[in-house]
Amino acid sequence: MLCVKCGKELADGVGFCRFCGSPQMAGGTVPGGGPASAGAGRSPAIDLPTLSTQDYIIVSALIAIALLLVLIFAVS
């Protein structure tokens, strides 16, 4: 069966998509009533880029700097 949200292939009878976390309808049907594997009315899946560990470190450092600046200017 296919995920009702992202369209990735899933094992039959799973409750949630392991790729996007979307809950799956019982029996492999989409809310519109058709089978999930039919693919009607869905947009194609989009592969988003994944972030590396270095990207997470940079983003965390930027957030920490922003918080420090807020604290410094809040005290002033």
N, C-alpha and C. Protein backbone atom coordinates (compact mmCIF):
# COMPACT_ATOMS: atom_id res chain seq x y z
N MET A 1 0.84 -1.18 0.00
CA MET A 1 0.00 0.00 0.00
C MET A 1 0.88 1.24 0.00
N LEU A 2 0.33 2.36 -0.39
CA LEU A 2 1.05 3.62 -0.44
C LEU A 2 0.57 4.55 0.67
N CYS A 3 1.46 5.40 1.17
CA CYS A 3 1.09 6.39 2.18
C CYS A 3 0.07 7.35 1.59
N VAL A 4 -0.94 7.69 2.37
CA VAL A 4 -1.98 8.60 1.90
C VAL A 4 -1.49 10.04 1.80
N LYS A 5 -0.37 10.35 2.42
CA LYS A 5 0.15 11.72 2.38
C LYS A 5 1.33 11.88 1.44
N CYS A 6 2.38 11.06 1.64
CA CYS A 6 3.62 11.24 0.85
C CYS A 6 3.73 10.30 -0.33
N GLY A 7 2.93 9.24 -0.37
CA GLY A 7 2.93 8.33 -1.51
C GLY A 7 4.02 7.27 -1.48
N LYS A 8 4.80 7.18 -0.41
CA LYS A 8 5.85 6.17 -0.31
C LYS A 8 5.23 4.79 -0.09
N GLU A 9 5.94 3.76 -0.53
CA GLU A 9 5.47 2.39 -0.38
C GLU A 9 5.57 1.95 1.08
N LEU A 10 4.47 1.37 1.62
CA LEU A 10 4.41 0.91 3.00
C LEU A 10 3.95 -0.54 3.03
N ALA A 11 4.27 -1.22 4.12
CA ALA A 11 3.75 -2.57 4.32
C ALA A 11 2.25 -2.48 4.56
N ASP A 12 1.53 -3.50 4.14
CA ASP A 12 0.08 -3.52 4.33
C ASP A 12 -0.28 -3.52 5.81
N GLY A 13 -1.28 -2.72 6.18
CA GLY A 13 -1.81 -2.72 7.53
C GLY A 13 -1.08 -1.86 8.55
N VAL A 14 -0.10 -1.05 8.13
CA VAL A 14 0.61 -0.21 9.10
C VAL A 14 -0.29 0.95 9.52
N GLY A 15 -0.09 1.44 10.74
CA GLY A 15 -0.91 2.53 11.27
C GLY A 15 -0.37 3.91 10.91
N PHE A 16 0.96 4.02 10.76
CA PHE A 16 1.59 5.30 10.46
C PHE A 16 2.66 5.11 9.40
N CYS A 17 2.88 6.14 8.59
CA CYS A 17 3.93 6.11 7.59
C CYS A 17 5.28 6.26 8.28
N ARG A 18 6.25 5.42 7.93
CA ARG A 18 7.57 5.52 8.55
C ARG A 18 8.41 6.63 7.93
N PHE A 19 7.95 7.23 6.86
CA PHE A 19 8.69 8.31 6.21
C PHE A 19 8.21 9.69 6.68
N CYS A 20 6.88 9.90 6.68
CA CYS A 20 6.36 11.23 7.03
C CYS A 20 5.57 11.24 8.34
N GLY A 21 5.27 10.07 8.91
CA GLY A 21 4.55 10.00 10.18
C GLY A 21 3.05 10.16 10.07
N SER A 22 2.54 10.26 8.87
CA SER A 22 1.10 10.46 8.67
C SER A 22 0.32 9.21 9.07
N PRO A 23 -0.79 9.38 9.82
CA PRO A 23 -1.61 8.22 10.15
C PRO A 23 -2.26 7.66 8.89
N GLN A 24 -2.34 6.35 8.81
CA GLN A 24 -2.92 5.67 7.65
C GLN A 24 -4.31 5.17 7.99
N MET A 25 -5.17 5.18 7.03
CA MET A 25 -6.55 4.73 7.23
C MET A 25 -6.57 3.20 7.24
N ALA A 26 -7.45 2.62 8.06
CA ALA A 26 -7.58 1.17 8.13
C ALA A 26 -8.04 0.63 6.78
N GLY A 27 -7.47 -0.46 6.36
CA GLY A 27 -7.87 -1.08 5.10
C GLY A 27 -7.22 -0.45 3.89
N GLY A 28 -6.31 0.51 4.08
CA GLY A 28 -5.61 1.09 2.96
C GLY A 28 -6.45 2.02 2.11
N THR A 29 -7.40 2.71 2.72
CA THR A 29 -8.21 3.65 1.95
C THR A 29 -7.87 5.07 2.33
N VAL A 30 -8.01 5.95 1.39
CA VAL A 30 -7.79 7.37 1.63
C VAL A 30 -9.10 8.00 2.06
N PRO A 31 -9.08 9.19 2.69
CA PRO A 31 -10.32 9.80 3.14
C PRO A 31 -11.36 9.98 2.05
N GLY A 32 -10.96 10.08 0.79
CA GLY A 32 -11.91 10.23 -0.32
C GLY A 32 -12.68 8.97 -0.61
N GLY A 33 -12.26 7.83 -0.08
CA GLY A 33 -13.01 6.60 -0.24
C GLY A 33 -12.34 5.56 -1.12
N GLY A 34 -11.38 5.93 -1.94
CA GLY A 34 -10.74 4.97 -2.83
C GLY A 34 -9.60 4.27 -2.14
N PRO A 35 -9.05 3.25 -2.78
CA PRO A 35 -7.90 2.57 -2.20
C PRO A 35 -6.67 3.45 -2.19
N ALA A 36 -5.82 3.30 -1.18
CA ALA A 36 -4.64 4.13 -1.05
C ALA A 36 -3.67 3.89 -2.20
N SER A 37 -3.63 2.68 -2.74
CA SER A 37 -2.69 2.38 -3.81
C SER A 37 -3.13 2.95 -5.15
N ALA A 38 -4.35 3.47 -5.25
CA ALA A 38 -4.83 4.02 -6.51
C ALA A 38 -4.09 5.29 -6.87
N GLY A 39 -3.75 6.12 -5.90
CA GLY A 39 -2.98 7.32 -6.15
C GLY A 39 -3.77 8.45 -6.77
N ALA A 40 -5.06 8.34 -6.86
CA ALA A 40 -5.87 9.39 -7.48
C ALA A 40 -5.99 10.60 -6.57
N GLY A 41 -5.79 11.78 -7.11
CA GLY A 41 -5.99 13.01 -6.36
C GLY A 41 -4.83 13.41 -5.48
N ARG A 42 -3.72 12.70 -5.57
CA ARG A 42 -2.57 13.04 -4.73
C ARG A 42 -1.50 13.68 -5.58
N SER A 43 -0.78 14.62 -4.99
CA SER A 43 0.37 15.19 -5.68
C SER A 43 1.55 14.25 -5.49
N PRO A 44 2.52 14.28 -6.40
CA PRO A 44 3.67 13.39 -6.26
C PRO A 44 4.48 13.71 -5.01
N ALA A 45 5.15 12.70 -4.47
CA ALA A 45 5.97 12.88 -3.28
C ALA A 45 7.16 13.79 -3.59
N ILE A 46 7.52 14.63 -2.63
CA ILE A 46 8.65 15.54 -2.77
C ILE A 46 9.75 15.05 -1.85
N ASP A 47 10.93 14.82 -2.39
CA ASP A 47 12.08 14.43 -1.57
C ASP A 47 12.77 15.67 -1.05
N LEU A 48 12.70 15.90 0.25
CA LEU A 48 13.34 17.05 0.86
C LEU A 48 14.78 16.72 1.21
N PRO A 49 15.67 17.70 1.11
CA PRO A 49 17.06 17.43 1.48
C PRO A 49 17.19 17.15 2.97
N THR A 50 18.12 16.29 3.32
CA THR A 50 18.36 16.00 4.73
C THR A 50 19.49 16.88 5.24
N LEU A 51 19.44 17.23 6.51
CA LEU A 51 20.47 18.06 7.11
C LEU A 51 21.56 17.19 7.72
N SER A 52 22.79 17.61 7.54
CA SER A 52 23.91 16.87 8.13
C SER A 52 24.10 17.30 9.58
N THR A 53 24.96 16.60 10.29
CA THR A 53 25.27 16.94 11.68
C THR A 53 25.87 18.33 11.76
N GLN A 54 26.70 18.68 10.79
CA GLN A 54 27.32 20.01 10.77
C GLN A 54 26.25 21.10 10.62
N ASP A 55 25.23 20.85 9.81
CA ASP A 55 24.15 21.81 9.65
C ASP A 55 23.42 22.03 10.97
N TYR A 56 23.15 20.95 11.71
CA TYR A 56 22.48 21.07 13.01
C TYR A 56 23.34 21.86 14.00
N ILE A 57 24.64 21.64 13.97
CA ILE A 57 25.54 22.38 14.87
C ILE A 57 25.52 23.87 14.55
N ILE A 58 25.55 24.20 13.27
CA ILE A 58 25.53 25.61 12.86
C ILE A 58 24.22 26.27 13.26
N VAL A 59 23.11 25.60 13.02
CA VAL A 59 21.80 26.16 13.38
C VAL A 59 21.70 26.33 14.89
N SER A 60 22.18 25.34 15.66
CA SER A 60 22.15 25.44 17.12
C SER A 60 23.00 26.60 17.62
N ALA A 61 24.17 26.80 17.01
CA ALA A 61 25.04 27.91 17.40
C ALA A 61 24.39 29.25 17.09
N LEU A 62 23.73 29.37 15.96
CA LEU A 62 23.05 30.62 15.61
C LEU A 62 21.90 30.91 16.58
N ILE A 63 21.18 29.88 16.97
CA ILE A 63 20.09 30.07 17.94
C ILE A 63 20.65 30.50 19.29
N ALA A 64 21.76 29.88 19.70
CA ALA A 64 22.39 30.25 20.98
C ALA A 64 22.87 31.69 20.95
N ILE A 65 23.47 32.13 19.86
CA ILE A 65 23.93 33.52 19.73
C ILE A 65 22.75 34.47 19.78
N ALA A 66 21.66 34.13 19.09
CA ALA A 66 20.48 34.99 19.10
C ALA A 66 19.91 35.11 20.51
N LEU A 67 19.86 34.00 21.24
CA LEU A 67 19.36 34.05 22.63
C LEU A 67 20.25 34.90 23.52
N LEU A 68 21.57 34.78 23.35
CA LEU A 68 22.50 35.61 24.13
C LEU A 68 22.30 37.10 23.83
N LEU A 69 22.10 37.43 22.56
CA LEU A 69 21.88 38.83 22.21
C LEU A 69 20.58 39.36 22.82
N VAL A 70 19.57 38.53 22.81
CA VAL A 70 18.29 38.94 23.43
C VAL A 70 18.49 39.18 24.93
N LEU A 71 19.20 38.28 25.60
CA LEU A 71 19.44 38.44 27.02
C LEU A 71 20.29 39.69 27.32
N ILE A 72 21.30 39.93 26.51
CA ILE A 72 22.15 41.09 26.72
C ILE A 72 21.36 42.38 26.57
N PHE A 73 20.56 42.48 25.51
CA PHE A 73 19.80 43.70 25.28
C PHE A 73 18.60 43.82 26.20
N ALA A 74 18.10 42.71 26.72
CA ALA A 74 16.97 42.77 27.65
C ALA A 74 17.43 43.31 29.01
N VAL A 75 18.67 43.02 29.40
CA VAL A 75 19.21 43.47 30.67
C VAL A 75 19.56 44.96 30.60
N SER A 76 20.00 45.42 29.43
CA SER A 76 20.43 46.82 29.27
C SER A 76 19.30 47.80 29.43
